[in-house]
Amino acid sequence: MPERLVQDRGPYELGEAVVRHRNTKVNTIVHTEGHDRLIENIETSYEYEVGYVPDGYAHRPDLIANVFYGDPGKWWLLMEVNSISDPFEGFKVNDRILIPKFS
């Protein structure tokens, strides 16, 4: 597993920024240095398996992550790799998805 993900802070291991959205402060990883570096190298940083979303797993990246990694907390990595920003719009039954392999 890449060293930057070892501390298990989920996506916030990549760094975070505080932005204002609708007059509320929100923590985000989007457009932080760590996030941009991950996205820039996403195709070469991992080997991938190809999978398909089965019945019962639609819109549930946490369940998919739990099956492949034994850790539902890696849901965000599946979303990043598959360019999904909203789990209710992605991970539909029979969608083809990429699953990063960790050594």
N, C-alpha and C. Protein backbone atom coordinates (compact mmCIF):
# COMPACT_ATOMS: atom_id res chain seq x y z
N MET A 1 0.84 -1.17 0.00
CA MET A 1 0.00 0.00 0.00
C MET A 1 0.89 1.24 0.00
N PRO A 2 0.53 2.25 -0.78
CA PRO A 2 1.35 3.45 -0.78
C PRO A 2 1.48 4.04 0.62
N GLU A 3 2.67 4.49 0.95
CA GLU A 3 2.96 5.02 2.28
C GLU A 3 1.99 6.11 2.69
N ARG A 4 1.58 6.95 1.74
CA ARG A 4 0.71 8.07 2.10
C ARG A 4 -0.66 7.63 2.59
N LEU A 5 -1.03 6.36 2.39
CA LEU A 5 -2.34 5.89 2.82
C LEU A 5 -2.28 5.04 4.08
N VAL A 6 -1.11 4.87 4.63
CA VAL A 6 -0.92 3.94 5.74
C VAL A 6 -1.61 4.37 7.03
N GLN A 7 -1.67 5.63 7.32
CA GLN A 7 -2.19 6.07 8.61
C GLN A 7 -3.70 5.94 8.72
N ASP A 8 -4.37 5.53 7.65
CA ASP A 8 -5.80 5.22 7.66
C ASP A 8 -6.67 6.40 8.07
N ARG A 9 -6.37 7.56 7.53
CA ARG A 9 -7.25 8.70 7.71
C ARG A 9 -8.16 8.84 6.50
N GLY A 10 -8.25 7.76 5.72
CA GLY A 10 -9.07 7.82 4.51
C GLY A 10 -8.53 8.86 3.57
N PRO A 11 -9.41 9.53 2.85
CA PRO A 11 -8.94 10.49 1.87
C PRO A 11 -8.20 11.66 2.50
N TYR A 12 -8.44 11.93 3.79
CA TYR A 12 -7.79 13.07 4.44
C TYR A 12 -6.32 12.83 4.71
N GLU A 13 -5.86 11.59 4.48
CA GLU A 13 -4.43 11.31 4.56
C GLU A 13 -3.68 12.09 3.49
N LEU A 14 -4.38 12.46 2.42
CA LEU A 14 -3.76 13.18 1.32
C LEU A 14 -3.63 14.67 1.59
N GLY A 15 -4.12 15.12 2.72
CA GLY A 15 -4.14 16.55 3.03
C GLY A 15 -5.56 17.05 2.93
N GLU A 16 -5.80 18.21 3.45
CA GLU A 16 -7.14 18.74 3.38
C GLU A 16 -7.12 20.26 3.36
N ALA A 17 -8.21 20.80 2.91
CA ALA A 17 -8.37 22.24 2.87
C ALA A 17 -9.76 22.56 3.41
N VAL A 18 -9.90 23.73 3.97
CA VAL A 18 -11.20 24.19 4.44
C VAL A 18 -11.71 25.21 3.43
N VAL A 19 -12.90 24.97 2.92
CA VAL A 19 -13.52 25.89 1.97
C VAL A 19 -14.90 26.26 2.50
N ARG A 20 -15.44 27.31 1.96
CA ARG A 20 -16.80 27.72 2.32
C ARG A 20 -17.73 27.26 1.21
N HIS A 21 -18.83 26.63 1.61
CA HIS A 21 -19.86 26.20 0.69
C HIS A 21 -21.20 26.49 1.33
N ARG A 22 -21.98 27.33 0.69
CA ARG A 22 -23.29 27.72 1.23
C ARG A 22 -23.18 28.22 2.67
N ASN A 23 -22.22 29.09 2.89
CA ASN A 23 -21.99 29.71 4.19
C ASN A 23 -21.61 28.72 5.29
N THR A 24 -21.09 27.58 4.89
CA THR A 24 -20.65 26.58 5.86
C THR A 24 -19.20 26.22 5.55
N LYS A 25 -18.39 26.06 6.58
CA LYS A 25 -17.02 25.59 6.37
C LYS A 25 -17.06 24.08 6.14
N VAL A 26 -16.35 23.66 5.10
CA VAL A 26 -16.32 22.24 4.72
C VAL A 26 -14.87 21.83 4.54
N ASN A 27 -14.49 20.69 5.11
CA ASN A 27 -13.17 20.12 4.87
C ASN A 27 -13.24 19.30 3.59
N THR A 28 -12.24 19.45 2.74
CA THR A 28 -12.22 18.73 1.47
C THR A 28 -10.78 18.36 1.12
N ILE A 29 -10.64 17.34 0.28
CA ILE A 29 -9.32 17.00 -0.25
C ILE A 29 -9.16 17.50 -1.67
N VAL A 30 -10.27 17.90 -2.29
CA VAL A 30 -10.24 18.30 -3.69
C VAL A 30 -9.32 19.50 -3.89
N HIS A 31 -8.46 19.39 -4.87
CA HIS A 31 -7.51 20.43 -5.25
C HIS A 31 -6.46 20.72 -4.18
N THR A 32 -6.20 19.75 -3.31
CA THR A 32 -5.05 19.87 -2.42
C THR A 32 -3.86 19.23 -3.12
N GLU A 33 -2.68 19.49 -2.64
CA GLU A 33 -1.48 18.96 -3.28
C GLU A 33 -1.50 17.43 -3.32
N GLY A 34 -1.86 16.80 -2.21
CA GLY A 34 -1.90 15.33 -2.15
C GLY A 34 -2.92 14.74 -3.11
N HIS A 35 -4.09 15.35 -3.16
CA HIS A 35 -5.14 14.88 -4.05
C HIS A 35 -4.71 15.01 -5.51
N ASP A 36 -4.18 16.17 -5.85
CA ASP A 36 -3.75 16.40 -7.23
C ASP A 36 -2.64 15.43 -7.63
N ARG A 37 -1.74 15.12 -6.71
CA ARG A 37 -0.65 14.17 -6.99
C ARG A 37 -1.23 12.76 -7.20
N LEU A 38 -2.21 12.37 -6.37
CA LEU A 38 -2.84 11.06 -6.53
C LEU A 38 -3.51 10.96 -7.89
N ILE A 39 -4.28 11.97 -8.26
CA ILE A 39 -4.99 11.94 -9.53
C ILE A 39 -4.01 11.94 -10.71
N GLU A 40 -2.97 12.74 -10.60
CA GLU A 40 -1.99 12.83 -11.67
C GLU A 40 -1.33 11.49 -11.95
N ASN A 41 -1.13 10.68 -10.90
CA ASN A 41 -0.41 9.41 -11.03
C ASN A 41 -1.31 8.18 -10.90
N ILE A 42 -2.62 8.37 -10.95
CA ILE A 42 -3.54 7.27 -10.66
C ILE A 42 -3.38 6.09 -11.62
N GLU A 43 -3.09 6.36 -12.88
CA GLU A 43 -2.99 5.27 -13.85
C GLU A 43 -1.73 4.44 -13.68
N THR A 44 -0.67 5.02 -13.12
CA THR A 44 0.58 4.28 -12.98
C THR A 44 0.89 3.88 -11.54
N SER A 45 0.10 4.35 -10.58
CA SER A 45 0.38 4.06 -9.18
C SER A 45 -0.08 2.68 -8.74
N TYR A 46 -1.01 2.09 -9.45
CA TYR A 46 -1.60 0.83 -9.03
C TYR A 46 -1.72 -0.11 -10.21
N GLU A 47 -1.82 -1.40 -9.88
CA GLU A 47 -2.33 -2.39 -10.83
C GLU A 47 -3.80 -2.51 -10.51
N TYR A 48 -4.60 -2.88 -11.50
CA TYR A 48 -6.04 -2.90 -11.30
C TYR A 48 -6.65 -4.23 -11.65
N GLU A 49 -7.74 -4.55 -10.96
CA GLU A 49 -8.64 -5.61 -11.36
C GLU A 49 -9.84 -4.92 -11.98
N VAL A 50 -10.51 -5.60 -12.86
CA VAL A 50 -11.77 -5.08 -13.40
C VAL A 50 -12.88 -5.86 -12.73
N GLY A 51 -13.88 -5.16 -12.25
CA GLY A 51 -15.01 -5.80 -11.61
C GLY A 51 -16.31 -5.21 -12.11
N TYR A 52 -17.39 -5.80 -11.69
CA TYR A 52 -18.73 -5.33 -12.04
C TYR A 52 -19.55 -5.23 -10.76
N VAL A 53 -20.35 -4.22 -10.65
CA VAL A 53 -21.16 -4.02 -9.45
C VAL A 53 -22.31 -5.02 -9.44
N PRO A 54 -22.35 -5.91 -8.43
CA PRO A 54 -23.42 -6.92 -8.38
C PRO A 54 -24.68 -6.37 -7.71
N ASP A 55 -25.77 -7.10 -7.85
CA ASP A 55 -27.01 -6.76 -7.14
C ASP A 55 -26.72 -6.63 -5.66
N GLY A 56 -27.32 -5.66 -5.02
CA GLY A 56 -27.14 -5.45 -3.59
C GLY A 56 -25.99 -4.53 -3.25
N TYR A 57 -25.18 -4.16 -4.25
CA TYR A 57 -24.02 -3.29 -4.01
C TYR A 57 -24.14 -1.96 -4.75
N ALA A 58 -25.25 -1.72 -5.41
CA ALA A 58 -25.43 -0.47 -6.15
C ALA A 58 -25.33 0.71 -5.20
N HIS A 59 -24.60 1.73 -5.64
CA HIS A 59 -24.45 2.98 -4.88
C HIS A 59 -23.82 2.76 -3.50
N ARG A 60 -23.03 1.68 -3.35
CA ARG A 60 -22.42 1.37 -2.05
C ARG A 60 -20.93 1.09 -2.19
N PRO A 61 -20.13 2.13 -2.45
CA PRO A 61 -18.68 1.91 -2.55
C PRO A 61 -18.09 1.35 -1.26
N ASP A 62 -18.74 1.62 -0.12
CA ASP A 62 -18.25 1.08 1.15
C ASP A 62 -18.35 -0.44 1.17
N LEU A 63 -19.44 -0.99 0.66
CA LEU A 63 -19.59 -2.45 0.64
C LEU A 63 -18.63 -3.09 -0.36
N ILE A 64 -18.44 -2.43 -1.50
CA ILE A 64 -17.50 -2.94 -2.50
C ILE A 64 -16.08 -2.94 -1.94
N ALA A 65 -15.71 -1.85 -1.27
CA ALA A 65 -14.38 -1.77 -0.65
C ALA A 65 -14.21 -2.85 0.41
N ASN A 66 -15.25 -3.12 1.16
CA ASN A 66 -15.16 -4.15 2.20
C ASN A 66 -14.92 -5.53 1.59
N VAL A 67 -15.54 -5.83 0.46
CA VAL A 67 -15.35 -7.11 -0.21
C VAL A 67 -13.90 -7.26 -0.68
N PHE A 68 -13.36 -6.23 -1.31
CA PHE A 68 -12.03 -6.35 -1.91
C PHE A 68 -10.89 -6.07 -0.94
N TYR A 69 -11.11 -5.23 0.05
CA TYR A 69 -10.02 -4.84 0.95
C TYR A 69 -10.26 -5.24 2.40
N GLY A 70 -11.47 -5.71 2.72
CA GLY A 70 -11.78 -5.99 4.11
C GLY A 70 -11.85 -4.71 4.92
N ASP A 71 -12.07 -3.58 4.24
CA ASP A 71 -12.08 -2.27 4.89
C ASP A 71 -13.04 -1.34 4.15
N PRO A 72 -14.22 -1.10 4.71
CA PRO A 72 -15.17 -0.20 4.03
C PRO A 72 -14.66 1.23 3.96
N GLY A 73 -13.66 1.57 4.76
CA GLY A 73 -13.10 2.91 4.76
C GLY A 73 -12.35 3.28 3.50
N LYS A 74 -12.10 2.32 2.63
CA LYS A 74 -11.40 2.61 1.37
C LYS A 74 -12.39 2.94 0.24
N TRP A 75 -13.63 3.23 0.59
CA TRP A 75 -14.66 3.61 -0.39
C TRP A 75 -14.21 4.77 -1.27
N TRP A 76 -13.51 5.71 -0.68
CA TRP A 76 -13.11 6.93 -1.40
C TRP A 76 -12.13 6.64 -2.52
N LEU A 77 -11.26 5.61 -2.33
CA LEU A 77 -10.30 5.27 -3.36
C LEU A 77 -11.02 4.70 -4.58
N LEU A 78 -12.02 3.88 -4.36
CA LEU A 78 -12.81 3.36 -5.48
C LEU A 78 -13.50 4.49 -6.24
N MET A 79 -13.97 5.48 -5.50
CA MET A 79 -14.62 6.62 -6.15
C MET A 79 -13.62 7.42 -6.97
N GLU A 80 -12.44 7.68 -6.42
CA GLU A 80 -11.40 8.44 -7.14
C GLU A 80 -10.99 7.73 -8.41
N VAL A 81 -10.66 6.45 -8.29
CA VAL A 81 -10.15 5.68 -9.42
C VAL A 81 -11.18 5.59 -10.54
N ASN A 82 -12.45 5.53 -10.17
CA ASN A 82 -13.51 5.39 -11.16
C ASN A 82 -14.16 6.72 -11.53
N SER A 83 -13.55 7.82 -11.09
CA SER A 83 -14.03 9.18 -11.42
C SER A 83 -15.49 9.38 -11.06
N ILE A 84 -15.85 8.91 -9.86
CA ILE A 84 -17.22 9.07 -9.39
C ILE A 84 -17.20 10.07 -8.24
N SER A 85 -17.95 11.14 -8.38
CA SER A 85 -17.99 12.15 -7.32
C SER A 85 -19.21 11.98 -6.42
N ASP A 86 -20.23 11.28 -6.88
CA ASP A 86 -21.45 11.07 -6.10
C ASP A 86 -21.82 9.60 -6.18
N PRO A 87 -21.76 8.87 -5.06
CA PRO A 87 -22.05 7.43 -5.11
C PRO A 87 -23.48 7.12 -5.53
N PHE A 88 -24.39 8.10 -5.41
CA PHE A 88 -25.77 7.85 -5.83
C PHE A 88 -25.95 7.97 -7.34
N GLU A 89 -24.91 8.47 -8.01
CA GLU A 89 -24.93 8.55 -9.47
C GLU A 89 -24.09 7.44 -10.09
N GLY A 90 -23.16 6.90 -9.33
CA GLY A 90 -22.28 5.86 -9.85
C GLY A 90 -22.49 4.55 -9.12
N PHE A 91 -21.72 3.56 -9.49
CA PHE A 91 -21.80 2.23 -8.89
C PHE A 91 -23.19 1.63 -9.06
N LYS A 92 -23.68 1.69 -10.29
CA LYS A 92 -24.97 1.06 -10.60
C LYS A 92 -24.73 -0.41 -10.90
N VAL A 93 -25.75 -1.23 -10.70
CA VAL A 93 -25.64 -2.67 -10.95
C VAL A 93 -25.12 -2.90 -12.37
N ASN A 94 -24.14 -3.77 -12.46
CA ASN A 94 -23.46 -4.17 -13.70
C ASN A 94 -22.50 -3.12 -14.26
N ASP A 95 -22.29 -1.97 -13.56
CA ASP A 95 -21.26 -1.02 -14.00
C ASP A 95 -19.91 -1.71 -13.92
N ARG A 96 -19.06 -1.47 -14.93
CA ARG A 96 -17.68 -1.95 -14.93
C ARG A 96 -16.87 -0.96 -14.10
N ILE A 97 -16.12 -1.47 -13.11
CA ILE A 97 -15.30 -0.60 -12.26
C ILE A 97 -13.88 -1.13 -12.18
N LEU A 98 -12.97 -0.20 -11.92
CA LEU A 98 -11.57 -0.56 -11.67
C LEU A 98 -11.35 -0.65 -10.17
N ILE A 99 -10.61 -1.68 -9.76
CA ILE A 99 -10.32 -1.91 -8.36
C ILE A 99 -8.81 -1.96 -8.18
N PRO A 100 -8.22 -0.94 -7.53
CA PRO A 100 -6.77 -0.95 -7.33
C PRO A 100 -6.33 -2.12 -6.47
N LYS A 101 -5.25 -2.77 -6.87
CA LYS A 101 -4.67 -3.86 -6.07
C LYS A 101 -3.59 -3.29 -5.18
N PHE A 102 -3.55 -3.72 -3.94
CA PHE A 102 -2.49 -3.36 -3.02
C PHE A 102 -1.63 -4.58 -2.79
N SER A 103 -0.32 -4.38 -2.72
CA SER A 103 0.57 -5.51 -2.47
C SER A 103 0.74 -5.72 -0.99
